[in-house]
Amino acid sequence: MRLKRSTLSAAARRQLFGRDGGPRAAKHVINFNTDQEYQHNETVRAAGEQQIHQPVRALQGGKHSLRQLVQNVHNQREALEDSFAKGKSNRKEASSRYGW
């Protein structure tokens, strides 16, 4: 069986197949099983090993009363403490890395 020559331009082939230029260029194909990943996540969550991500939510721009700001900080206390601890460890790691 003989393959028909592609009608794609060189730029279109590079866009489609990458710099190697052929369909055989993709060497690492990964099969991802979502059911298996969901099952693993459920097992980790049931074992209590899952880390809880608490994002720090910013206020929208504009004027805010002091009461609103204090209430926002109070509601996000744990997330802010985690964020501050992470920043402190990042600063400590950078200072040890660069010798400051």
PDB file of N, CA and C in Angstrom:
ATOM      1  N   MET A   1       0.844  -1.173   0.000  1.00  0.00           N
ATOM      2  CA  MET A   1       0.000   0.000   0.000  1.00  0.00           C
ATOM      3  C   MET A   1       0.888   1.236   0.000  1.00  0.00           C
ATOM      4  N   ARG A   2       0.586   2.142  -0.855  1.00  0.00           N
ATOM      5  CA  ARG A   2       1.390   3.344  -0.987  1.00  0.00           C
ATOM      6  C   ARG A   2       0.605   4.523  -0.444  1.00  0.00           C
ATOM      7  N   LEU A   3       1.290   5.371   0.367  1.00  0.00           N
ATOM      8  CA  LEU A   3       0.636   6.533   0.951  1.00  0.00           C
ATOM      9  C   LEU A   3       0.634   7.687  -0.020  1.00  0.00           C
ATOM     10  N   LYS A   4      -0.435   8.445   0.013  1.00  0.00           N
ATOM     11  CA  LYS A   4      -0.570   9.619  -0.835  1.00  0.00           C
ATOM     12  C   LYS A   4       0.261  10.750  -0.246  1.00  0.00           C
ATOM     13  N   ARG A   5       0.952  11.495  -1.057  1.00  0.00           N
ATOM     14  CA  ARG A   5       1.777  12.618  -0.615  1.00  0.00           C
ATOM     15  C   ARG A   5       0.872  13.683  -0.023  1.00  0.00           C
ATOM     16  N   SER A   6       1.283  14.237   1.094  1.00  0.00           N
ATOM     17  CA  SER A   6       0.488  15.235   1.794  1.00  0.00           C
ATOM     18  C   SER A   6       0.417  16.525   0.995  1.00  0.00           C
ATOM     19  N   THR A   7      -0.718  17.184   1.099  1.00  0.00           N
ATOM     20  CA  THR A   7      -0.893  18.460   0.407  1.00  0.00           C
ATOM     21  C   THR A   7      -0.630  19.628   1.349  1.00  0.00           C
ATOM     22  N   LEU A   8      -0.085  19.341   2.512  1.00  0.00           N
ATOM     23  CA  LEU A   8       0.202  20.401   3.479  1.00  0.00           C
ATOM     24  C   LEU A   8       1.497  21.111   3.116  1.00  0.00           C
ATOM     25  N   SER A   9       1.527  22.406   3.407  1.00  0.00           N
ATOM     26  CA  SER A   9       2.757  23.157   3.198  1.00  0.00           C
ATOM     27  C   SER A   9       3.753  22.805   4.301  1.00  0.00           C
ATOM     28  N   ALA A  10       4.990  23.236   4.130  1.00  0.00           N
ATOM     29  CA  ALA A  10       6.020  22.945   5.131  1.00  0.00           C
ATOM     30  C   ALA A  10       5.664  23.572   6.473  1.00  0.00           C
ATOM     31  N   ALA A  11       5.116  24.781   6.454  1.00  0.00           N
ATOM     32  CA  ALA A  11       4.733  25.453   7.700  1.00  0.00           C
ATOM     33  C   ALA A  11       3.576  24.724   8.382  1.00  0.00           C
ATOM     34  N   ALA A  12       2.619  24.248   7.586  1.00  0.00           N
ATOM     35  CA  ALA A  12       1.477  23.527   8.153  1.00  0.00           C
ATOM     36  C   ALA A  12       1.917  22.192   8.742  1.00  0.00           C
ATOM     37  N   ARG A  13       2.866  21.498   8.066  1.00  0.00           N
ATOM     38  CA  ARG A  13       3.376  20.234   8.605  1.00  0.00           C
ATOM     39  C   ARG A  13       4.104  20.468   9.925  1.00  0.00           C
ATOM     40  N   ARG A  14       4.900  21.556   9.979  1.00  0.00           N
ATOM     41  CA  ARG A  14       5.625  21.868  11.210  1.00  0.00           C
ATOM     42  C   ARG A  14       4.638  22.196  12.328  1.00  0.00           C
ATOM     43  N   GLN A  15       3.552  22.915  12.004  1.00  0.00           N
ATOM     44  CA  GLN A  15       2.523  23.251  12.992  1.00  0.00           C
ATOM     45  C   GLN A  15       1.849  21.986  13.509  1.00  0.00           C
ATOM     46  N   LEU A  16       1.585  21.053  12.618  1.00  0.00           N
ATOM     47  CA  LEU A  16       0.857  19.844  12.980  1.00  0.00           C
ATOM     48  C   LEU A  16       1.740  18.805  13.665  1.00  0.00           C
ATOM     49  N   PHE A  17       2.941  18.574  13.148  1.00  0.00           N
ATOM     50  CA  PHE A  17       3.782  17.485  13.632  1.00  0.00           C
ATOM     51  C   PHE A  17       4.983  17.934  14.441  1.00  0.00           C
ATOM     52  N   GLY A  18       5.263  19.222  14.516  1.00  0.00           N
ATOM     53  CA  GLY A  18       6.420  19.703  15.246  1.00  0.00           C
ATOM     54  C   GLY A  18       7.630  19.825  14.347  1.00  0.00           C
ATOM     55  N   ARG A  19       8.779  20.074  14.938  1.00  0.00           N
ATOM     56  CA  ARG A  19       9.989  20.319  14.144  1.00  0.00           C
ATOM     57  C   ARG A  19      10.504  19.085  13.434  1.00  0.00           C
ATOM     58  N   ASP A  20      10.234  17.904  13.977  1.00  0.00           N
ATOM     59  CA  ASP A  20      10.722  16.687  13.319  1.00  0.00           C
ATOM     60  C   ASP A  20      10.040  16.475  11.976  1.00  0.00           C
ATOM     61  N   GLY A  21       8.826  16.961  11.841  1.00  0.00           N
ATOM     62  CA  GLY A  21       8.164  16.970  10.552  1.00  0.00           C
ATOM     63  C   GLY A  21       7.424  15.711  10.158  1.00  0.00           C
ATOM     64  N   GLY A  22       7.372  14.713  10.966  1.00  0.00           N
ATOM     65  CA  GLY A  22       6.672  13.496  10.574  1.00  0.00           C
ATOM     66  C   GLY A  22       5.713  13.023  11.639  1.00  0.00           C
ATOM     67  N   PRO A  23       4.741  12.220  11.267  1.00  0.00           N
ATOM     68  CA  PRO A  23       3.785  11.711  12.255  1.00  0.00           C
ATOM     69  C   PRO A  23       4.433  10.754  13.239  1.00  0.00           C
ATOM     70  N   ARG A  24       5.619  10.255  12.938  1.00  0.00           N
ATOM     71  CA  ARG A  24       6.311   9.347  13.848  1.00  0.00           C
ATOM     72  C   ARG A  24       7.134  10.104  14.880  1.00  0.00           C
ATOM     73  N   ALA A  25       7.032  11.425  14.871  1.00  0.00           N
ATOM     74  CA  ALA A  25       7.822  12.246  15.786  1.00  0.00           C
ATOM     75  C   ALA A  25       7.363  12.081  17.233  1.00  0.00           C
ATOM     76  N   ALA A  26       6.093  11.793  17.443  1.00  0.00           N
ATOM     77  CA  ALA A  26       5.576  11.619  18.798  1.00  0.00           C
ATOM     78  C   ALA A  26       6.042  10.268  19.329  1.00  0.00           C
ATOM     79  N   LYS A  27       7.008  10.292  20.240  1.00  0.00           N
ATOM     80  CA  LYS A  27       7.594   9.052  20.729  1.00  0.00           C
ATOM     81  C   LYS A  27       7.034   8.613  22.073  1.00  0.00           C
ATOM     82  N   HIS A  28       6.573   9.562  22.870  1.00  0.00           N
ATOM     83  CA  HIS A  28       6.098   9.243  24.209  1.00  0.00           C
ATOM     84  C   HIS A  28       4.591   9.465  24.275  1.00  0.00           C
ATOM     85  N   VAL A  29       3.846   8.402  24.181  1.00  0.00           N
ATOM     86  CA  VAL A  29       2.396   8.478  24.278  1.00  0.00           C
ATOM     87  C   VAL A  29       1.997   7.959  25.648  1.00  0.00           C
ATOM     88  N   ILE A  30       1.205   8.741  26.353  1.00  0.00           N
ATOM     89  CA  ILE A  30       0.790   8.375  27.708  1.00  0.00           C
ATOM     90  C   ILE A  30      -0.704   8.108  27.701  1.00  0.00           C
ATOM     91  N   ASN A  31      -1.088   6.961  28.213  1.00  0.00           N
ATOM     92  CA  ASN A  31      -2.503   6.657  28.384  1.00  0.00           C
ATOM     93  C   ASN A  31      -2.889   7.045  29.805  1.00  0.00           C
ATOM     94  N   PHE A  32      -3.850   7.934  29.917  1.00  0.00           N
ATOM     95  CA  PHE A  32      -4.261   8.460  31.217  1.00  0.00           C
ATOM     96  C   PHE A  32      -5.640   7.910  31.542  1.00  0.00           C
ATOM     97  N   ASN A  33      -5.738   7.145  32.622  1.00  0.00           N
ATOM     98  CA  ASN A  33      -6.990   6.541  33.035  1.00  0.00           C
ATOM     99  C   ASN A  33      -7.595   7.399  34.145  1.00  0.00           C
ATOM    100  N   THR A  34      -8.642   8.141  33.833  1.00  0.00           N
ATOM    101  CA  THR A  34      -9.242   9.035  34.826  1.00  0.00           C
ATOM    102  C   THR A  34      -9.915   8.265  35.952  1.00  0.00           C
ATOM    103  N   ASP A  35     -10.509   7.130  35.635  1.00  0.00           N
ATOM    104  CA  ASP A  35     -11.154   6.331  36.690  1.00  0.00           C
ATOM    105  C   ASP A  35     -10.137   5.889  37.739  1.00  0.00           C
ATOM    106  N   GLN A  36      -8.956   5.488  37.285  1.00  0.00           N
ATOM    107  CA  GLN A  36      -7.904   5.072  38.203  1.00  0.00           C
ATOM    108  C   GLN A  36      -7.424   6.255  39.052  1.00  0.00           C
ATOM    109  N   GLU A  37      -7.299   7.425  38.450  1.00  0.00           N
ATOM    110  CA  GLU A  37      -6.869   8.616  39.194  1.00  0.00           C
ATOM    111  C   GLU A  37      -7.916   9.030  40.228  1.00  0.00           C
ATOM    112  N   TYR A  38      -9.184   8.988  39.849  1.00  0.00           N
ATOM    113  CA  TYR A  38     -10.248   9.321  40.798  1.00  0.00           C
ATOM    114  C   TYR A  38     -10.244   8.348  41.975  1.00  0.00           C
ATOM    115  N   GLN A  39     -10.046   7.071  41.690  1.00  0.00           N
ATOM    116  CA  GLN A  39     -10.006   6.065  42.752  1.00  0.00           C
ATOM    117  C   GLN A  39      -8.834   6.334  43.692  1.00  0.00           C
ATOM    118  N   HIS A  40      -7.678   6.683  43.121  1.00  0.00           N
ATOM    119  CA  HIS A  40      -6.505   7.003  43.942  1.00  0.00           C
ATOM    120  C   HIS A  40      -6.785   8.230  44.809  1.00  0.00           C
ATOM    121  N   ASN A  41      -7.402   9.252  44.235  1.00  0.00           N
ATOM    122  CA  ASN A  41      -7.725  10.459  45.004  1.00  0.00           C
ATOM    123  C   ASN A  41      -8.685  10.154  46.146  1.00  0.00           C
ATOM    124  N   GLU A  42      -9.658   9.307  45.890  1.00  0.00           N
ATOM    125  CA  GLU A  42     -10.606   8.928  46.938  1.00  0.00           C
ATOM    126  C   GLU A  42      -9.909   8.164  48.054  1.00  0.00           C
ATOM    127  N   THR A  43      -8.959   7.297  47.698  1.00  0.00           N
ATOM    128  CA  THR A  43      -8.224   6.542  48.713  1.00  0.00           C
ATOM    129  C   THR A  43      -7.388   7.469  49.575  1.00  0.00           C
ATOM    130  N   VAL A  44      -6.728   8.428  48.947  1.00  0.00           N
ATOM    131  CA  VAL A  44      -5.904   9.386  49.686  1.00  0.00           C
ATOM    132  C   VAL A  44      -6.779  10.237  50.601  1.00  0.00           C
ATOM    133  N   ARG A  45      -7.939  10.672  50.084  1.00  0.00           N
ATOM    134  CA  ARG A  45      -8.836  11.505  50.886  1.00  0.00           C
ATOM    135  C   ARG A  45      -9.397  10.723  52.066  1.00  0.00           C
ATOM    136  N   ALA A  46      -9.742   9.452  51.850  1.00  0.00           N
ATOM    137  CA  ALA A  46     -10.283   8.620  52.924  1.00  0.00           C
ATOM    138  C   ALA A  46      -9.227   8.345  53.999  1.00  0.00           C
ATOM    139  N   ALA A  47      -7.959   8.268  53.594  1.00  0.00           N
ATOM    140  CA  ALA A  47      -6.882   8.017  54.550  1.00  0.00           C
ATOM    141  C   ALA A  47      -6.495   9.288  55.312  1.00  0.00           C
ATOM    142  N   GLY A  48      -7.009  10.425  54.889  1.00  0.00           N
ATOM    143  CA  GLY A  48      -6.711  11.682  55.571  1.00  0.00           C
ATOM    144  C   GLY A  48      -5.364  12.266  55.200  1.00  0.00           C
ATOM    145  N   GLU A  49      -4.774  11.830  54.099  1.00  0.00           N
ATOM    146  CA  GLU A  49      -3.455  12.302  53.690  1.00  0.00           C
ATOM    147  C   GLU A  49      -3.535  13.473  52.715  1.00  0.00           C
ATOM    148  N   GLN A  50      -4.731  13.854  52.343  1.00  0.00           N
ATOM    149  CA  GLN A  50      -4.894  14.912  51.354  1.00  0.00           C
ATOM    150  C   GLN A  50      -4.613  16.270  51.991  1.00  0.00           C
ATOM    151  N   GLN A  51      -3.853  17.106  51.275  1.00  0.00           N
ATOM    152  CA  GLN A  51      -3.599  18.449  51.760  1.00  0.00           C
ATOM    153  C   GLN A  51      -4.756  19.342  51.343  1.00  0.00           C
ATOM    154  N   ILE A  52      -5.180  20.169  52.261  1.00  0.00           N
ATOM    155  CA  ILE A  52      -6.287  21.072  51.985  1.00  0.00           C
ATOM    156  C   ILE A  52      -5.709  22.391  51.500  1.00  0.00           C
ATOM    157  N   HIS A  53      -6.172  22.810  50.334  1.00  0.00           N
ATOM    158  CA  HIS A  53      -5.705  24.071  49.760  1.00  0.00           C
ATOM    159  C   HIS A  53      -6.688  25.167  50.142  1.00  0.00           C
ATOM    160  N   GLN A  54      -6.186  26.191  50.808  1.00  0.00           N
ATOM    161  CA  GLN A  54      -7.021  27.312  51.208  1.00  0.00           C
ATOM    162  C   GLN A  54      -6.518  28.561  50.511  1.00  0.00           C
ATOM    163  N   PRO A  55      -7.151  28.959  49.410  1.00  0.00           N
ATOM    164  CA  PRO A  55      -6.671  30.128  48.695  1.00  0.00           C
ATOM    165  C   PRO A  55      -6.994  31.415  49.454  1.00  0.00           C
ATOM    166  N   VAL A  56      -6.115  32.397  49.330  1.00  0.00           N
ATOM    167  CA  VAL A  56      -6.353  33.704  49.916  1.00  0.00           C
ATOM    168  C   VAL A  56      -7.147  34.499  48.895  1.00  0.00           C
ATOM    169  N   ARG A  57      -8.305  34.950  49.283  1.00  0.00           N
ATOM    170  CA  ARG A  57      -9.169  35.696  48.371  1.00  0.00           C
ATOM    171  C   ARG A  57      -8.970  37.192  48.591  1.00  0.00           C
ATOM    172  N   ALA A  58      -8.726  37.883  47.507  1.00  0.00           N
ATOM    173  CA  ALA A  58      -8.504  39.322  47.579  1.00  0.00           C
ATOM    174  C   ALA A  58      -9.843  40.055  47.520  1.00  0.00           C
ATOM    175  N   LEU A  59      -9.852  41.244  48.071  1.00  0.00           N
ATOM    176  CA  LEU A  59     -11.032  42.096  47.983  1.00  0.00           C
ATOM    177  C   LEU A  59     -11.024  42.822  46.651  1.00  0.00           C
ATOM    178  N   GLN A  60     -12.193  43.174  46.192  1.00  0.00           N
ATOM    179  CA  GLN A  60     -12.266  43.956  44.973  1.00  0.00           C
ATOM    180  C   GLN A  60     -11.858  45.391  45.277  1.00  0.00           C
ATOM    181  N   GLY A  61     -11.460  46.079  44.243  1.00  0.00           N
ATOM    182  CA  GLY A  61     -11.021  47.457  44.408  1.00  0.00           C
ATOM    183  C   GLY A  61     -12.143  48.357  44.894  1.00  0.00           C
ATOM    184  N   GLY A  62     -11.763  49.484  45.400  1.00  0.00           N
ATOM    185  CA  GLY A  62     -12.750  50.443  45.875  1.00  0.00           C
ATOM    186  C   GLY A  62     -12.574  50.709  47.353  1.00  0.00           C
ATOM    187  N   LYS A  63     -13.493  51.480  47.895  1.00  0.00           N
ATOM    188  CA  LYS A  63     -13.415  51.834  49.308  1.00  0.00           C
ATOM    189  C   LYS A  63     -14.011  50.715  50.159  1.00  0.00           C
ATOM    190  N   HIS A  64     -13.338  50.426  51.244  1.00  0.00           N
ATOM    191  CA  HIS A  64     -13.829  49.437  52.199  1.00  0.00           C
ATOM    192  C   HIS A  64     -13.683  50.033  53.592  1.00  0.00           C
ATOM    193  N   SER A  65     -14.635  49.696  54.432  1.00  0.00           N
ATOM    194  CA  SER A  65     -14.527  50.156  55.807  1.00  0.00           C
ATOM    195  C   SER A  65     -13.541  49.269  56.549  1.00  0.00           C
ATOM    196  N   LEU A  66     -13.043  49.774  57.656  1.00  0.00           N
ATOM    197  CA  LEU A  66     -12.105  49.011  58.459  1.00  0.00           C
ATOM    198  C   LEU A  66     -12.751  47.720  58.956  1.00  0.00           C
ATOM    199  N   ARG A  67     -14.028  47.790  59.254  1.00  0.00           N
ATOM    200  CA  ARG A  67     -14.762  46.611  59.716  1.00  0.00           C
ATOM    201  C   ARG A  67     -14.766  45.514  58.652  1.00  0.00           C
ATOM    202  N   GLN A  68     -14.969  45.888  57.383  1.00  0.00           N
ATOM    203  CA  GLN A  68     -14.958  44.907  56.298  1.00  0.00           C
ATOM    204  C   GLN A  68     -13.584  44.254  56.171  1.00  0.00           C
ATOM    205  N   LEU A  69     -12.538  45.064  56.266  1.00  0.00           N
ATOM    206  CA  LEU A  69     -11.178  44.537  56.122  1.00  0.00           C
ATOM    207  C   LEU A  69     -10.830  43.582  57.264  1.00  0.00           C
ATOM    208  N   VAL A  70     -11.185  43.975  58.488  1.00  0.00           N
ATOM    209  CA  VAL A  70     -10.904  43.122  59.641  1.00  0.00           C
ATOM    210  C   VAL A  70     -11.695  41.821  59.546  1.00  0.00           C
ATOM    211  N   GLN A  71     -12.933  41.906  59.130  1.00  0.00           N
ATOM    212  CA  GLN A  71     -13.775  40.709  58.986  1.00  0.00           C
ATOM    213  C   GLN A  71     -13.192  39.771  57.928  1.00  0.00           C
ATOM    214  N   ASN A  72     -12.703  40.343  56.828  1.00  0.00           N
ATOM    215  CA  ASN A  72     -12.109  39.531  55.770  1.00  0.00           C
ATOM    216  C   ASN A  72     -10.860  38.804  56.281  1.00  0.00           C
ATOM    217  N   VAL A  73     -10.008  39.507  57.019  1.00  0.00           N
ATOM    218  CA  VAL A  73      -8.807  38.881  57.572  1.00  0.00           C
ATOM    219  C   VAL A  73      -9.191  37.805  58.583  1.00  0.00           C
ATOM    220  N   HIS A  74     -10.178  38.079  59.405  1.00  0.00           N
ATOM    221  CA  HIS A  74     -10.613  37.108  60.405  1.00  0.00           C
ATOM    222  C   HIS A  74     -11.153  35.835  59.746  1.00  0.00           C
ATOM    223  N   ASN A  75     -11.905  35.991  58.651  1.00  0.00           N
ATOM    224  CA  ASN A  75     -12.474  34.829  57.959  1.00  0.00           C
ATOM    225  C   ASN A  75     -11.407  33.989  57.262  1.00  0.00           C
ATOM    226  N   GLN A  76     -10.325  34.639  56.830  1.00  0.00           N
ATOM    227  CA  GLN A  76      -9.285  33.924  56.084  1.00  0.00           C
ATOM    228  C   GLN A  76      -8.021  33.725  56.916  1.00  0.00           C
ATOM    229  N   ARG A  77      -8.141  33.673  58.200  1.00  0.00           N
ATOM    230  CA  ARG A  77      -6.984  33.636  59.086  1.00  0.00           C
ATOM    231  C   ARG A  77      -6.031  32.471  58.774  1.00  0.00           C
ATOM    232  N   GLU A  78      -6.573  31.263  58.649  1.00  0.00           N
ATOM    233  CA  GLU A  78      -5.725  30.102  58.400  1.00  0.00           C
ATOM    234  C   GLU A  78      -5.028  30.193  57.048  1.00  0.00           C
ATOM    235  N   ALA A  79      -5.765  30.629  56.028  1.00  0.00           N
ATOM    236  CA  ALA A  79      -5.168  30.747  54.695  1.00  0.00           C
ATOM    237  C   ALA A  79      -4.062  31.792  54.695  1.00  0.00           C
ATOM    238  N   LEU A  80      -4.276  32.905  55.391  1.00  0.00           N
ATOM    239  CA  LEU A  80      -3.251  33.951  55.459  1.00  0.00           C
ATOM    240  C   LEU A  80      -2.025  33.474  56.230  1.00  0.00           C
ATOM    241  N   GLU A  81      -2.236  32.750  57.320  1.00  0.00           N
ATOM    242  CA  GLU A  81      -1.104  32.231  58.087  1.00  0.00           C
ATOM    243  C   GLU A  81      -0.279  31.258  57.251  1.00  0.00           C
ATOM    244  N   ASP A  82      -0.956  30.398  56.479  1.00  0.00           N
ATOM    245  CA  ASP A  82      -0.238  29.476  55.591  1.00  0.00           C
ATOM    246  C   ASP A  82       0.549  30.240  54.538  1.00  0.00           C
ATOM    247  N   SER A  83      -0.073  31.280  53.990  1.00  0.00           N
ATOM    248  CA  SER A  83       0.594  32.079  52.966  1.00  0.00           C
ATOM    249  C   SER A  83       1.816  32.786  53.533  1.00  0.00           C
ATOM    250  N   PHE A  84       1.698  33.352  54.733  1.00  0.00           N
ATOM    251  CA  PHE A  84       2.826  34.037  55.356  1.00  0.00           C
ATOM    252  C   PHE A  84       3.950  33.056  55.680  1.00  0.00           C
ATOM    253  N   ALA A  85       3.586  31.857  56.170  1.00  0.00           N
ATOM    254  CA  ALA A  85       4.598  30.852  56.490  1.00  0.00           C
ATOM    255  C   ALA A  85       5.327  30.397  55.227  1.00  0.00           C
ATOM    256  N   LYS A  86       4.587  30.259  54.146  1.00  0.00           N
ATOM    257  CA  LYS A  86       5.214  29.857  52.886  1.00  0.00           C
ATOM    258  C   LYS A  86       6.159  30.944  52.387  1.00  0.00           C
ATOM    259  N   GLY A  87       5.746  32.203  52.487  1.00  0.00           N
ATOM    260  CA  GLY A  87       6.608  33.304  52.081  1.00  0.00           C
ATOM    261  C   GLY A  87       7.864  33.394  52.922  1.00  0.00           C
ATOM    262  N   LYS A  88       7.708  33.152  54.220  1.00  0.00           N
ATOM    263  CA  LYS A  88       8.867  33.194  55.114  1.00  0.00           C
ATOM    264  C   LYS A  88       9.850  32.077  54.778  1.00  0.00           C
ATOM    265  N   SER A  89       9.335  30.879  54.518  1.00  0.00           N
ATOM    266  CA  SER A  89      10.228  29.776  54.165  1.00  0.00           C
ATOM    267  C   SER A  89      10.901  30.027  52.818  1.00  0.00           C
ATOM    268  N   ASN A  90      10.187  30.641  51.875  1.00  0.00           N
ATOM    269  CA  ASN A  90      10.789  30.972  50.582  1.00  0.00           C
ATOM    270  C   ASN A  90      11.914  31.988  50.751  1.00  0.00           C
ATOM    271  N   ARG A  91      11.709  32.991  51.598  1.00  0.00           N
ATOM    272  CA  ARG A  91      12.756  33.986  51.853  1.00  0.00           C
ATOM    273  C   ARG A  91      13.961  33.338  52.519  1.00  0.00           C
ATOM    274  N   LYS A  92      13.704  32.455  53.477  1.00  0.00           N
ATOM    275  CA  LYS A  92      14.804  31.782  54.178  1.00  0.00           C
ATOM    276  C   LYS A  92      15.588  30.899  53.207  1.00  0.00           C
ATOM    277  N   GLU A  93      14.878  30.197  52.330  1.00  0.00           N
ATOM    278  CA  GLU A  93      15.542  29.340  51.347  1.00  0.00           C
ATOM    279  C   GLU A  93      16.374  30.174  50.366  1.00  0.00           C
ATOM    280  N   ALA A  94      15.839  31.313  49.933  1.00  0.00           N
ATOM    281  CA  ALA A  94      16.590  32.166  49.005  1.00  0.00           C
ATOM    282  C   ALA A  94      17.801  32.771  49.685  1.00  0.00           C
ATOM    283  N   SER A  95      17.663  33.140  50.948  1.00  0.00           N
ATOM    284  CA  SER A  95      18.811  33.738  51.645  1.00  0.00           C
ATOM    285  C   SER A  95      19.910  32.708  51.857  1.00  0.00           C
ATOM    286  N   SER A  96      19.535  31.456  52.112  1.00  0.00           N
ATOM    287  CA  SER A  96      20.557  30.429  52.291  1.00  0.00           C
ATOM    288  C   SER A  96      21.189  30.056  50.944  1.00  0.00           C
ATOM    289  N   ARG A  97      20.408  30.150  49.888  1.00  0.00           N
ATOM    290  CA  ARG A  97      20.910  29.806  48.557  1.00  0.00           C
ATOM    291  C   ARG A  97      21.899  30.850  48.065  1.00  0.00           C
ATOM    292  N   TYR A  98      21.580  32.131  48.270  1.00  0.00           N
ATOM    293  CA  TYR A  98      22.419  33.207  47.737  1.00  0.00           C
ATOM    294  C   TYR A  98      23.344  33.800  48.787  1.00  0.00           C
ATOM    295  N   GLY A  99      23.260  33.363  50.041  1.00  0.00           N
ATOM    296  CA  GLY A  99      24.168  33.818  51.073  1.00  0.00           C
ATOM    297  C   GLY A  99      23.931  35.239  51.545  1.00  0.00           C
ATOM    298  N   TRP A 100      22.662  35.649  51.606  1.00  0.00           N
ATOM    299  CA  TRP A 100      22.357  37.017  52.062  1.00  0.00           C
ATOM    300  C   TRP A 100      22.334  37.034  53.554  1.00  0.00           C
TER     301      TRP A 100
END
